[in-house]
Amino acid sequence: MIYLWREQRTGVTRQQPVTVDVHVRPGDARRALCEEAEAGLCGRPKELSPKWLYDERGSQLFDDITRLPEYYPTRREREILEARAAEIARVSGADTLIELGSGTSEKTRLLLDAFQEAGQLRRFVPFDVSEAFLRSAAERLARQYPRVSVHAVVGDFERHLGRLPRGGRRLVAFLGGTIGNFKPEQRAHFFREVAEGLEPGDGLLLGTDLIKCRDRLFAAYNDRAGVTAEFNRNVLRVLNRELGADFDVEAFAHLAPFDEEHSWIEMRLISLREQVVRLPALERFAHFEEGEVLRTEVSCKFRPEQVEAELAAAGLQLSSWWTDAAEDFALSLSFKR
């Protein structure tokens, strides 16, 4: 059963109230972590969802990653938005912008500004799993865009897409190449859920990282400064803190090779020795052989025809396709057929 809380706060510095819908109950995240850790750490092959990488420390490390010279996706996507935001607003015709996995909505401000300048933005819906973070971001956005209604939704886009606010002509933005963290069957399910929630005229703005030189892909996820390695190993600290585990963080090496068969970067933590890790919250132990791999993330890379085919299979018609000058990254706009 999902519980829903809704509240509105009105401040003197803005014209519109902030609405916050909460679909995540206290303790949901820890229960989910326990379930996944038991399934993903106590057998073989070992694997965790990438969402556990993003605690406060992990989010800061990822922000640091986006500024590294080797890591191109964030810069390339921003380049597209700077050049095409006005066109996206015009072609979409939307008056409501919904951002999945909104975070700070830093890049989305380019869209918000373009929609506002076009005189068509009435509502912004940031959607994220962190309630405290989202509330803070929503309040800040409401102050910056006083004529826009901000309706924040605290939820998991793997479970709560059906809870997105209805009404108006909506554009759902899923940026940053996050769709690449989904394996093919997960992507198909995600696209179907998005399509089922759209009305005629609603659209999906999707960010996808494109296939490119393998050396550049490897460098982007194995930076010389070791920031990505620290980001990857941070998930072990999350497990130590949340589950009382006793991972020796330095006993795992980071490696993120490109898997040619699946066309994805695979983030790995490799056990440097045979070891047994206690998981007190689960009353279990995780056994690692020397050289055994714990997969923490995949990051799929795409070809244009693949993106179009996967959208079409879910009932979404590709309308527009934009890339940066180097054709490293793409934004696509599709509508429900």
C-alpha atoms as a PDB file:
ATOM      1  CA  MET A   1       0.000   0.000   0.000  1.00  0.00           C
ATOM      2  CA  ILE A   2       1.352   3.429  -0.953  1.00  0.00           C
ATOM      3  CA  TYR A   3       0.637   6.319   1.365  1.00  0.00           C
ATOM      4  CA  LEU A   4       0.358   9.841   0.013  1.00  0.00           C
ATOM      5  CA  TRP A   5       0.994  13.092   1.798  1.00  0.00           C
ATOM      6  CA  ARG A   6       0.295  16.426   0.105  1.00  0.00           C
ATOM      7  CA  GLU A   7       1.051  19.880   1.386  1.00  0.00           C
ATOM      8  CA  GLN A   8       1.183  23.431   0.086  1.00  0.00           C
ATOM      9  CA  ARG A   9       3.292  26.276   1.362  1.00  0.00           C
ATOM     10  CA  THR A  10       2.941  29.817   0.193  1.00  0.00           C
ATOM     11  CA  GLY A  11       5.733  32.344   0.564  1.00  0.00           C
ATOM     12  CA  VAL A  12       5.651  36.082   0.078  1.00  0.00           C
ATOM     13  CA  THR A  13       8.322  36.040  -2.622  1.00  0.00           C
ATOM     14  CA  ARG A  14       6.384  33.977  -5.161  1.00  0.00           C
ATOM     15  CA  GLN A  15       2.944  33.872  -6.691  1.00  0.00           C
ATOM     16  CA  GLN A  16       2.514  30.105  -6.896  1.00  0.00           C
ATOM     17  CA  PRO A  17       2.489  27.561  -4.035  1.00  0.00           C
ATOM     18  CA  VAL A  18       4.697  24.481  -4.010  1.00  0.00           C
ATOM     19  CA  THR A  19       2.893  21.144  -3.944  1.00  0.00           C
ATOM     20  CA  VAL A  20       4.716  18.017  -2.793  1.00  0.00           C
ATOM     21  CA  ASP A  21       3.365  14.479  -3.310  1.00  0.00           C
ATOM     22  CA  VAL A  22       5.193  11.729  -1.420  1.00  0.00           C
ATOM     23  CA  HIS A  23       4.856   8.134  -2.607  1.00  0.00           C
ATOM     24  CA  VAL A  24       7.836   6.743  -0.703  1.00  0.00           C
ATOM     25  CA  ARG A  25       7.251   5.669   2.876  1.00  0.00           C
ATOM     26  CA  PRO A  26       9.853   6.005   5.620  1.00  0.00           C
ATOM     27  CA  GLY A  27      12.006   2.892   5.586  1.00  0.00           C
ATOM     28  CA  ASP A  28      11.213   1.946   1.962  1.00  0.00           C
ATOM     29  CA  ALA A  29      14.771   2.604   0.793  1.00  0.00           C
ATOM     30  CA  ARG A  30      16.370   0.554   3.543  1.00  0.00           C
ATOM     31  CA  ARG A  31      13.979  -2.355   2.987  1.00  0.00           C
ATOM     32  CA  ALA A  32      14.752  -2.265  -0.729  1.00  0.00           C
ATOM     33  CA  LEU A  33      18.492  -2.178  -0.018  1.00  0.00           C
ATOM     34  CA  CYS A  34      18.216  -5.174   2.315  1.00  0.00           C
ATOM     35  CA  GLU A  35      16.301  -7.189  -0.275  1.00  0.00           C
ATOM     36  CA  GLU A  36      18.692  -6.329  -3.075  1.00  0.00           C
ATOM     37  CA  ALA A  37      21.812  -6.846  -0.984  1.00  0.00           C
ATOM     38  CA  GLU A  38      20.667 -10.324   0.022  1.00  0.00           C
ATOM     39  CA  ALA A  39      19.909 -11.263  -3.571  1.00  0.00           C
ATOM     40  CA  GLY A  40      22.902  -9.496  -5.105  1.00  0.00           C
ATOM     41  CA  LEU A  41      25.721 -10.167  -2.646  1.00  0.00           C
ATOM     42  CA  CYS A  42      25.080 -13.626  -1.270  1.00  0.00           C
ATOM     43  CA  GLY A  43      25.171 -15.551  -4.542  1.00  0.00           C
ATOM     44  CA  ARG A  44      26.841 -15.405  -7.944  1.00  0.00           C
ATOM     45  CA  PRO A  45      27.170 -13.367 -10.067  1.00  0.00           C
ATOM     46  CA  LYS A  46      27.182 -10.441  -7.629  1.00  0.00           C
ATOM     47  CA  GLU A  47      25.352  -7.267  -8.604  1.00  0.00           C
ATOM     48  CA  LEU A  48      23.760  -4.152  -7.111  1.00  0.00           C
ATOM     49  CA  SER A  49      21.568  -1.444  -8.604  1.00  0.00           C
ATOM     50  CA  PRO A  50      23.391   1.805  -9.455  1.00  0.00           C
ATOM     51  CA  LYS A  51      20.894   3.775  -7.373  1.00  0.00           C
ATOM     52  CA  TRP A  52      22.795   2.782  -4.217  1.00  0.00           C
ATOM     53  CA  LEU A  53      25.814   4.714  -5.486  1.00  0.00           C
ATOM     54  CA  TYR A  54      24.022   8.012  -4.906  1.00  0.00           C
ATOM     55  CA  ASP A  55      24.016   8.819  -1.221  1.00  0.00           C
ATOM     56  CA  GLU A  56      25.090  12.355  -0.286  1.00  0.00           C
ATOM     57  CA  ARG A  57      28.784  11.556  -0.726  1.00  0.00           C
ATOM     58  CA  GLY A  58      28.185   9.608  -3.920  1.00  0.00           C
ATOM     59  CA  SER A  59      26.119  12.430  -5.426  1.00  0.00           C
ATOM     60  CA  GLN A  60      28.918  14.891  -4.708  1.00  0.00           C
ATOM     61  CA  LEU A  61      31.481  12.563  -6.257  1.00  0.00           C
ATOM     62  CA  PHE A  62      29.342  12.165  -9.355  1.00  0.00           C
ATOM     63  CA  ASP A  63      29.077  15.945  -9.613  1.00  0.00           C
ATOM     64  CA  ASP A  64      32.887  15.995  -9.504  1.00  0.00           C
ATOM     65  CA  ILE A  65      32.968  13.351 -12.258  1.00  0.00           C
ATOM     66  CA  THR A  66      30.845  15.511 -14.572  1.00  0.00           C
ATOM     67  CA  ARG A  67      33.586  18.176 -14.436  1.00  0.00           C
ATOM     68  CA  LEU A  68      36.440  15.828 -15.350  1.00  0.00           C
ATOM     69  CA  PRO A  69      38.055  16.357 -18.777  1.00  0.00           C
ATOM     70  CA  GLU A  70      37.509  12.684 -19.690  1.00  0.00           C
ATOM     71  CA  TYR A  71      33.788  12.699 -18.877  1.00  0.00           C
ATOM     72  CA  TYR A  72      31.989  14.182 -21.879  1.00  0.00           C
ATOM     73  CA  PRO A  73      28.231  13.326 -21.489  1.00  0.00           C
ATOM     74  CA  THR A  74      27.211  16.197 -19.218  1.00  0.00           C
ATOM     75  CA  ARG A  75      28.963  18.827 -21.356  1.00  0.00           C
ATOM     76  CA  ARG A  76      27.620  17.399 -24.597  1.00  0.00           C
ATOM     77  CA  GLU A  77      24.036  17.258 -23.362  1.00  0.00           C
ATOM     78  CA  ARG A  78      24.285  20.815 -22.102  1.00  0.00           C
ATOM     79  CA  GLU A  79      25.620  21.885 -25.498  1.00  0.00           C
ATOM     80  CA  ILE A  80      22.488  20.461 -27.137  1.00  0.00           C
ATOM     81  CA  LEU A  81      20.174  22.121 -24.635  1.00  0.00           C
ATOM     82  CA  GLU A  82      21.859  25.488 -25.048  1.00  0.00           C
ATOM     83  CA  ALA A  83      21.428  25.262 -28.818  1.00  0.00           C
ATOM     84  CA  ARG A  84      18.005  23.592 -28.995  1.00  0.00           C
ATOM     85  CA  ALA A  85      15.978  24.448 -25.887  1.00  0.00           C
ATOM     86  CA  ALA A  86      13.833  27.021 -27.697  1.00  0.00           C
ATOM     87  CA  GLU A  87      13.180  24.555 -30.517  1.00  0.00           C
ATOM     88  CA  ILE A  88      12.296  21.813 -28.031  1.00  0.00           C
ATOM     89  CA  ALA A  89       9.783  24.114 -26.356  1.00  0.00           C
ATOM     90  CA  ARG A  90       8.224  25.036 -29.693  1.00  0.00           C
ATOM     91  CA  VAL A  91       8.073  21.517 -31.149  1.00  0.00           C
ATOM     92  CA  SER A  92       6.771  19.930 -27.945  1.00  0.00           C
ATOM     93  CA  GLY A  93       4.030  22.520 -27.492  1.00  0.00           C
ATOM     94  CA  ALA A  94       3.995  21.580 -23.808  1.00  0.00           C
ATOM     95  CA  ASP A  95       2.824  23.757 -20.937  1.00  0.00           C
ATOM     96  CA  THR A  96       3.934  21.260 -18.270  1.00  0.00           C
ATOM     97  CA  LEU A  97       7.523  20.044 -17.934  1.00  0.00           C
ATOM     98  CA  ILE A  98       8.110  16.850 -15.918  1.00  0.00           C
ATOM     99  CA  GLU A  99      11.685  15.876 -15.072  1.00  0.00           C
ATOM    100  CA  LEU A 100      12.433  12.334 -13.922  1.00  0.00           C
ATOM    101  CA  GLY A 101      15.419  12.029 -11.598  1.00  0.00           C
ATOM    102  CA  SER A 102      15.530  15.781 -11.346  1.00  0.00           C
ATOM    103  CA  GLY A 103      18.303  16.271  -8.775  1.00  0.00           C
ATOM    104  CA  THR A 104      19.172  19.950  -8.731  1.00  0.00           C
ATOM    105  CA  SER A 105      17.491  20.496 -12.151  1.00  0.00           C
ATOM    106  CA  GLU A 106      20.598  22.459 -13.177  1.00  0.00           C
ATOM    107  CA  LYS A 107      20.469  21.604 -16.877  1.00  0.00           C
ATOM    108  CA  THR A 108      16.671  21.703 -16.857  1.00  0.00           C
ATOM    109  CA  ARG A 109      16.825  25.439 -16.176  1.00  0.00           C
ATOM    110  CA  LEU A 110      17.789  25.839 -19.823  1.00  0.00           C
ATOM    111  CA  LEU A 111      14.463  24.224 -20.743  1.00  0.00           C
ATOM    112  CA  LEU A 112      12.545  26.139 -18.088  1.00  0.00           C
ATOM    113  CA  ASP A 113      13.944  29.415 -19.383  1.00  0.00           C
ATOM    114  CA  ALA A 114      13.103  28.520 -22.983  1.00  0.00           C
ATOM    115  CA  PHE A 115       9.556  27.449 -22.123  1.00  0.00           C
ATOM    116  CA  GLN A 116       9.029  30.576 -20.044  1.00  0.00           C
ATOM    117  CA  GLU A 117      10.366  32.853 -22.769  1.00  0.00           C
ATOM    118  CA  ALA A 118       7.933  31.200 -25.182  1.00  0.00           C
ATOM    119  CA  GLY A 119       5.133  32.085 -22.774  1.00  0.00           C
ATOM    120  CA  GLN A 120       3.872  28.521 -22.545  1.00  0.00           C
ATOM    121  CA  LEU A 121       5.150  27.188 -19.188  1.00  0.00           C
ATOM    122  CA  ARG A 122       2.494  26.814 -16.521  1.00  0.00           C
ATOM    123  CA  ARG A 123       3.782  23.934 -14.406  1.00  0.00           C
ATOM    124  CA  PHE A 124       7.037  22.168 -13.534  1.00  0.00           C
ATOM    125  CA  VAL A 125       7.042  18.692 -11.978  1.00  0.00           C
ATOM    126  CA  PRO A 126      10.423  17.599 -10.561  1.00  0.00           C
ATOM    127  CA  PHE A 127      10.390  13.877  -9.711  1.00  0.00           C
ATOM    128  CA  ASP A 128      13.054  12.311  -7.488  1.00  0.00           C
ATOM    129  CA  VAL A 129      13.420   9.705  -4.743  1.00  0.00           C
ATOM    130  CA  SER A 130      15.066  11.941  -2.124  1.00  0.00           C
ATOM    131  CA  GLU A 131      12.366  13.876  -0.263  1.00  0.00           C
ATOM    132  CA  ALA A 132      14.588  16.333   1.612  1.00  0.00           C
ATOM    133  CA  PHE A 133      16.658  17.086  -1.462  1.00  0.00           C
ATOM    134  CA  LEU A 134      13.588  17.474  -3.672  1.00  0.00           C
ATOM    135  CA  ARG A 135      11.777  19.774  -1.247  1.00  0.00           C
ATOM    136  CA  SER A 136      14.780  22.078  -1.120  1.00  0.00           C
ATOM    137  CA  ALA A 137      15.158  22.117  -4.911  1.00  0.00           C
ATOM    138  CA  ALA A 138      11.414  22.693  -5.431  1.00  0.00           C
ATOM    139  CA  GLU A 139      11.357  25.676  -3.073  1.00  0.00           C
ATOM    140  CA  ARG A 140      14.383  27.162  -4.806  1.00  0.00           C
ATOM    141  CA  LEU A 141      12.855  26.699  -8.264  1.00  0.00           C
ATOM    142  CA  ALA A 142       9.570  28.230  -7.157  1.00  0.00           C
ATOM    143  CA  ARG A 143      11.404  31.358  -6.056  1.00  0.00           C
ATOM    144  CA  GLN A 144      13.287  31.546  -9.347  1.00  0.00           C
ATOM    145  CA  TYR A 145      10.155  30.982 -11.470  1.00  0.00           C
ATOM    146  CA  PRO A 146       7.412  32.736  -9.467  1.00  0.00           C
ATOM    147  CA  ARG A 147       4.751  32.419 -12.158  1.00  0.00           C
ATOM    148  CA  VAL A 148       5.222  28.684 -12.581  1.00  0.00           C
ATOM    149  CA  SER A 149       3.357  26.149 -10.440  1.00  0.00           C
ATOM    150  CA  VAL A 150       5.903  23.713  -8.968  1.00  0.00           C
ATOM    151  CA  HIS A 151       4.434  20.276  -8.192  1.00  0.00           C
ATOM    152  CA  ALA A 152       7.173  18.024  -6.799  1.00  0.00           C
ATOM    153  CA  VAL A 153       6.745  14.241  -6.695  1.00  0.00           C
ATOM    154  CA  VAL A 154       8.819  12.081  -4.340  1.00  0.00           C
ATOM    155  CA  GLY A 155       8.925   8.643  -5.895  1.00  0.00           C
ATOM    156  CA  ASP A 156      10.900   5.905  -7.618  1.00  0.00           C
ATOM    157  CA  PHE A 157      10.546   6.038 -11.400  1.00  0.00           C
ATOM    158  CA  GLU A 158      10.758   2.255 -11.484  1.00  0.00           C
ATOM    159  CA  ARG A 159       7.516   2.061  -9.416  1.00  0.00           C
ATOM    160  CA  HIS A 160       5.638   5.347  -9.405  1.00  0.00           C
ATOM    161  CA  LEU A 161       5.443   6.632 -12.972  1.00  0.00           C
ATOM    162  CA  GLY A 162       1.702   6.089 -12.853  1.00  0.00           C
ATOM    163  CA  ARG A 163       1.497   8.738 -10.118  1.00  0.00           C
ATOM    164  CA  LEU A 164       2.652  11.638 -12.299  1.00  0.00           C
ATOM    165  CA  PRO A 165       0.221  14.586 -12.251  1.00  0.00           C
ATOM    166  CA  ARG A 166      -2.254  14.695 -15.110  1.00  0.00           C
ATOM    167  CA  GLY A 167      -3.559  17.667 -17.029  1.00  0.00           C
ATOM    168  CA  GLY A 168      -2.169  20.112 -19.536  1.00  0.00           C
ATOM    169  CA  ARG A 169       0.115  19.199 -22.386  1.00  0.00           C
ATOM    170  CA  ARG A 170       3.066  17.463 -20.767  1.00  0.00           C
ATOM    171  CA  LEU A 171       6.680  16.893 -21.739  1.00  0.00           C
ATOM    172  CA  VAL A 172       8.446  14.190 -19.704  1.00  0.00           C
ATOM    173  CA  ALA A 173      12.213  14.788 -19.651  1.00  0.00           C
ATOM    174  CA  PHE A 174      14.576  11.928 -18.801  1.00  0.00           C
ATOM    175  CA  LEU A 175      18.012  13.414 -19.227  1.00  0.00           C
ATOM    176  CA  GLY A 176      21.655  12.669 -18.437  1.00  0.00           C
ATOM    177  CA  GLY A 177      21.766   9.338 -20.254  1.00  0.00           C
ATOM    178  CA  THR A 178      20.215   7.689 -17.170  1.00  0.00           C
ATOM    179  CA  ILE A 179      18.210   5.413 -19.472  1.00  0.00           C
ATOM    180  CA  GLY A 180      21.545   3.677 -20.126  1.00  0.00           C
ATOM    181  CA  ASN A 181      21.520   2.297 -16.574  1.00  0.00           C
ATOM    182  CA  PHE A 182      18.583   0.088 -17.590  1.00  0.00           C
ATOM    183  CA  LYS A 183      19.191  -3.251 -19.252  1.00  0.00           C
ATOM    184  CA  PRO A 184      17.102  -3.927 -22.401  1.00  0.00           C
ATOM    185  CA  GLU A 185      14.170  -5.587 -20.619  1.00  0.00           C
ATOM    186  CA  GLN A 186      14.113  -2.819 -18.011  1.00  0.00           C
ATOM    187  CA  ARG A 187      14.171  -0.158 -20.732  1.00  0.00           C
ATOM    188  CA  ALA A 188      11.286  -1.809 -22.549  1.00  0.00           C
ATOM    189  CA  HIS A 189       9.241  -1.816 -19.337  1.00  0.00           C
ATOM    190  CA  PHE A 190      10.147   1.807 -18.611  1.00  0.00           C
ATOM    191  CA  PHE A 191       9.177   3.001 -22.096  1.00  0.00           C
ATOM    192  CA  ARG A 192       5.861   1.117 -21.922  1.00  0.00           C
ATOM    193  CA  GLU A 193       5.048   2.675 -18.563  1.00  0.00           C
ATOM    194  CA  VAL A 194       5.869   6.156 -19.813  1.00  0.00           C
ATOM    195  CA  ALA A 195       3.790   5.636 -22.958  1.00  0.00           C
ATOM    196  CA  GLU A 196       0.822   4.290 -20.990  1.00  0.00           C
ATOM    197  CA  GLY A 197       0.831   7.422 -18.830  1.00  0.00           C
ATOM    198  CA  LEU A 198       0.933   9.849 -21.744  1.00  0.00           C
ATOM    199  CA  GLU A 199      -2.067  11.465 -23.379  1.00  0.00           C
ATOM    200  CA  PRO A 200      -2.262  12.432 -27.069  1.00  0.00           C
ATOM    201  CA  GLY A 201       0.025  15.423 -27.554  1.00  0.00           C
ATOM    202  CA  ASP A 202       2.268  14.559 -24.590  1.00  0.00           C
ATOM    203  CA  GLY A 203       5.934  13.882 -25.332  1.00  0.00           C
ATOM    204  CA  LEU A 204       9.115  12.249 -24.020  1.00  0.00           C
ATOM    205  CA  LEU A 205      12.455  14.082 -24.192  1.00  0.00           C
ATOM    206  CA  LEU A 206      15.166  11.441 -23.803  1.00  0.00           C
ATOM    207  CA  GLY A 207      18.930  11.807 -23.345  1.00  0.00           C
ATOM    208  CA  THR A 208      21.069   8.974 -24.732  1.00  0.00           C
ATOM    209  CA  ASP A 209      24.827   8.504 -24.890  1.00  0.00           C
ATOM    210  CA  LEU A 210      25.952   7.277 -28.306  1.00  0.00           C
ATOM    211  CA  ILE A 211      28.382   4.562 -29.393  1.00  0.00           C
ATOM    212  CA  LYS A 212      31.822   6.014 -30.063  1.00  0.00           C
ATOM    213  CA  CYS A 213      35.558   5.322 -29.929  1.00  0.00           C
ATOM    214  CA  ARG A 214      36.173   2.644 -27.304  1.00  0.00           C
ATOM    215  CA  ASP A 215      39.223   4.425 -25.929  1.00  0.00           C
ATOM    216  CA  ARG A 216      37.132   7.526 -25.173  1.00  0.00           C
ATOM    217  CA  LEU A 217      34.449   5.414 -23.520  1.00  0.00           C
ATOM    218  CA  PHE A 218      37.013   3.666 -21.352  1.00  0.00           C
ATOM    219  CA  ALA A 219      38.675   6.934 -20.351  1.00  0.00           C
ATOM    220  CA  ALA A 220      35.343   8.492 -19.354  1.00  0.00           C
ATOM    221  CA  TYR A 221      34.722   5.784 -16.734  1.00  0.00           C
ATOM    222  CA  ASN A 222      38.319   5.113 -15.673  1.00  0.00           C
ATOM    223  CA  ASP A 223      39.615   8.638 -15.139  1.00  0.00           C
ATOM    224  CA  ARG A 224      43.243   9.245 -14.264  1.00  0.00           C
ATOM    225  CA  ALA A 225      42.398  11.159 -11.080  1.00  0.00           C
ATOM    226  CA  GLY A 226      40.562   8.138  -9.665  1.00  0.00           C
ATOM    227  CA  VAL A 227      37.331  10.034  -8.935  1.00  0.00           C
ATOM    228  CA  THR A 228      35.161   7.393 -10.609  1.00  0.00           C
ATOM    229  CA  ALA A 229      36.956   4.673  -8.648  1.00  0.00           C
ATOM    230  CA  GLU A 230      36.179   6.493  -5.404  1.00  0.00           C
ATOM    231  CA  PHE A 231      32.569   6.957  -6.530  1.00  0.00           C
ATOM    232  CA  ASN A 232      32.253   3.252  -7.276  1.00  0.00           C
ATOM    233  CA  ARG A 233      33.817   2.103  -4.011  1.00  0.00           C
ATOM    234  CA  ASN A 234      31.568   4.489  -2.091  1.00  0.00           C
ATOM    235  CA  VAL A 235      28.730   1.981  -2.459  1.00  0.00           C
ATOM    236  CA  LEU A 236      30.657  -0.261  -0.049  1.00  0.00           C
ATOM    237  CA  ARG A 237      30.626   2.546   2.500  1.00  0.00           C
ATOM    238  CA  VAL A 238      26.864   2.823   1.990  1.00  0.00           C
ATOM    239  CA  LEU A 239      26.520  -0.887   2.765  1.00  0.00           C
ATOM    240  CA  ASN A 240      28.740  -0.542   5.830  1.00  0.00           C
ATOM    241  CA  ARG A 241      26.674   2.360   7.151  1.00  0.00           C
ATOM    242  CA  GLU A 242      23.189   1.108   6.315  1.00  0.00           C
ATOM    243  CA  LEU A 243      23.593  -2.625   6.897  1.00  0.00           C
ATOM    244  CA  GLY A 244      26.395  -2.697   9.463  1.00  0.00           C
ATOM    245  CA  ALA A 245      28.597  -4.513   6.954  1.00  0.00           C
ATOM    246  CA  ASP A 246      32.368  -4.659   7.349  1.00  0.00           C
ATOM    247  CA  PHE A 247      33.598  -4.212   3.786  1.00  0.00           C
ATOM    248  CA  ASP A 248      37.280  -3.327   3.546  1.00  0.00           C
ATOM    249  CA  VAL A 249      36.843  -0.638   0.896  1.00  0.00           C
ATOM    250  CA  GLU A 250      40.502  -0.730  -0.112  1.00  0.00           C
ATOM    251  CA  ALA A 251      40.278  -4.469  -0.758  1.00  0.00           C
ATOM    252  CA  PHE A 252      38.317  -3.782  -3.968  1.00  0.00           C
ATOM    253  CA  ALA A 253      39.621  -2.331  -7.234  1.00  0.00           C
ATOM    254  CA  HIS A 254      37.564  -0.324  -9.699  1.00  0.00           C
ATOM    255  CA  LEU A 255      37.383  -1.259 -13.379  1.00  0.00           C
ATOM    256  CA  ALA A 256      34.835  -0.166 -15.994  1.00  0.00           C
ATOM    257  CA  PRO A 257      35.435  -1.961 -19.324  1.00  0.00           C
ATOM    258  CA  PHE A 258      33.238  -1.735 -22.415  1.00  0.00           C
ATOM    259  CA  ASP A 259      31.225  -4.895 -23.071  1.00  0.00           C
ATOM    260  CA  GLU A 260      31.034  -5.264 -26.858  1.00  0.00           C
ATOM    261  CA  GLU A 261      28.298  -7.905 -26.748  1.00  0.00           C
ATOM    262  CA  HIS A 262      25.890  -5.685 -24.812  1.00  0.00           C
ATOM    263  CA  SER A 263      27.204  -2.271 -25.928  1.00  0.00           C
ATOM    264  CA  TRP A 264      27.552  -1.047 -22.377  1.00  0.00           C
ATOM    265  CA  ILE A 265      30.162   0.143 -19.937  1.00  0.00           C
ATOM    266  CA  GLU A 266      30.168  -2.201 -16.952  1.00  0.00           C
ATOM    267  CA  MET A 267      31.187  -0.704 -13.608  1.00  0.00           C
ATOM    268  CA  ARG A 268      32.921  -3.363 -11.556  1.00  0.00           C
ATOM    269  CA  LEU A 269      34.412  -3.711  -8.098  1.00  0.00           C
ATOM    270  CA  ILE A 270      36.974  -6.518  -8.130  1.00  0.00           C
ATOM    271  CA  SER A 271      37.902  -8.318  -4.925  1.00  0.00           C
ATOM    272  CA  LEU A 272      41.683  -8.161  -4.484  1.00  0.00           C
ATOM    273  CA  ARG A 273      41.742 -11.184  -2.210  1.00  0.00           C
ATOM    274  CA  GLU A 274      39.537 -13.948  -0.898  1.00  0.00           C
ATOM    275  CA  GLN A 275      37.379 -12.452   1.824  1.00  0.00           C
ATOM    276  CA  VAL A 276      34.186 -12.906   3.834  1.00  0.00           C
ATOM    277  CA  VAL A 277      32.060  -9.851   4.579  1.00  0.00           C
ATOM    278  CA  ARG A 278      29.598  -9.737   7.471  1.00  0.00           C
ATOM    279  CA  LEU A 279      26.088  -8.394   6.748  1.00  0.00           C
ATOM    280  CA  PRO A 280      24.562  -8.111  10.244  1.00  0.00           C
ATOM    281  CA  ALA A 281      21.290  -6.527   9.102  1.00  0.00           C
ATOM    282  CA  LEU A 282      20.666  -9.610   6.945  1.00  0.00           C
ATOM    283  CA  GLU A 283      22.193 -12.123   9.327  1.00  0.00           C
ATOM    284  CA  ARG A 284      24.222 -13.304   6.342  1.00  0.00           C
ATOM    285  CA  PHE A 285      27.775 -13.370   5.010  1.00  0.00           C
ATOM    286  CA  ALA A 286      28.993 -12.448   1.530  1.00  0.00           C
ATOM    287  CA  HIS A 287      31.855 -14.602   0.253  1.00  0.00           C
ATOM    288  CA  PHE A 288      34.249 -13.168  -2.334  1.00  0.00           C
ATOM    289  CA  GLU A 289      36.921 -15.106  -4.188  1.00  0.00           C
ATOM    290  CA  GLU A 290      40.078 -13.316  -5.264  1.00  0.00           C
ATOM    291  CA  GLY A 291      39.245 -11.606  -8.561  1.00  0.00           C
ATOM    292  CA  GLU A 292      35.479 -11.989  -8.108  1.00  0.00           C
ATOM    293  CA  VAL A 293      33.417  -9.150  -9.571  1.00  0.00           C
ATOM    294  CA  LEU A 294      30.630  -7.108  -8.001  1.00  0.00           C
ATOM    295  CA  ARG A 295      28.805  -5.263 -10.789  1.00  0.00           C
ATOM    296  CA  THR A 296      27.464  -1.913  -9.605  1.00  0.00           C
ATOM    297  CA  GLU A 297      26.267  -0.298 -12.828  1.00  0.00           C
ATOM    298  CA  VAL A 298      25.852  -0.703 -16.547  1.00  0.00           C
ATOM    299  CA  SER A 299      25.816   2.315 -18.833  1.00  0.00           C
ATOM    300  CA  CYS A 300      24.402   1.399 -22.227  1.00  0.00           C
ATOM    301  CA  LYS A 301      25.507   3.258 -25.343  1.00  0.00           C
ATOM    302  CA  PHE A 302      23.126   3.606 -28.262  1.00  0.00           C
ATOM    303  CA  ARG A 303      22.801   3.938 -32.015  1.00  0.00           C
ATOM    304  CA  PRO A 304      20.053   6.221 -33.415  1.00  0.00           C
ATOM    305  CA  GLU A 305      18.138   3.398 -35.088  1.00  0.00           C
ATOM    306  CA  GLN A 306      18.153   1.423 -31.819  1.00  0.00           C
ATOM    307  CA  VAL A 307      16.614   4.316 -29.881  1.00  0.00           C
ATOM    308  CA  GLU A 308      13.918   4.800 -32.524  1.00  0.00           C
ATOM    309  CA  ALA A 309      13.093   1.067 -32.571  1.00  0.00           C
ATOM    310  CA  GLU A 310      12.834   0.788 -28.775  1.00  0.00           C
ATOM    311  CA  LEU A 311      10.583   3.842 -28.569  1.00  0.00           C
ATOM    312  CA  ALA A 312       8.394   2.532 -31.391  1.00  0.00           C
ATOM    313  CA  ALA A 313       8.004  -0.833 -29.652  1.00  0.00           C
ATOM    314  CA  ALA A 314       6.459   1.023 -26.706  1.00  0.00           C
ATOM    315  CA  GLY A 315       4.106   3.043 -28.938  1.00  0.00           C
ATOM    316  CA  LEU A 316       6.197   6.228 -29.067  1.00  0.00           C
ATOM    317  CA  GLN A 317       6.835   7.945 -32.404  1.00  0.00           C
ATOM    318  CA  LEU A 318      10.211   9.633 -32.798  1.00  0.00           C
ATOM    319  CA  SER A 319       9.658  13.230 -33.913  1.00  0.00           C
ATOM    320  CA  SER A 320      12.999  15.039 -33.506  1.00  0.00           C
ATOM    321  CA  TRP A 321      16.637  14.059 -33.010  1.00  0.00           C
ATOM    322  CA  TRP A 322      19.376  16.447 -31.902  1.00  0.00           C
ATOM    323  CA  THR A 323      23.082  15.835 -31.247  1.00  0.00           C
ATOM    324  CA  ASP A 324      26.054  17.922 -30.168  1.00  0.00           C
ATOM    325  CA  ALA A 325      28.544  18.972 -32.827  1.00  0.00           C
ATOM    326  CA  ALA A 326      30.731  15.917 -32.207  1.00  0.00           C
ATOM    327  CA  GLU A 327      27.712  13.564 -32.258  1.00  0.00           C
ATOM    328  CA  ASP A 328      28.677  12.126 -28.892  1.00  0.00           C
ATOM    329  CA  PHE A 329      25.269  12.488 -27.262  1.00  0.00           C
ATOM    330  CA  ALA A 330      21.657  12.797 -28.402  1.00  0.00           C
ATOM    331  CA  LEU A 331      18.358  14.227 -27.271  1.00  0.00           C
ATOM    332  CA  SER A 332      15.250  12.787 -28.888  1.00  0.00           C
ATOM    333  CA  LEU A 333      11.647  13.951 -28.755  1.00  0.00           C
ATOM    334  CA  SER A 334       8.898  11.412 -29.263  1.00  0.00           C
ATOM    335  CA  PHE A 335       5.122  11.477 -28.935  1.00  0.00           C
ATOM    336  CA  LYS A 336       2.551   8.851 -28.115  1.00  0.00           C
ATOM    337  CA  ARG A 337       1.222   7.280 -31.303  1.00  0.00           C
END
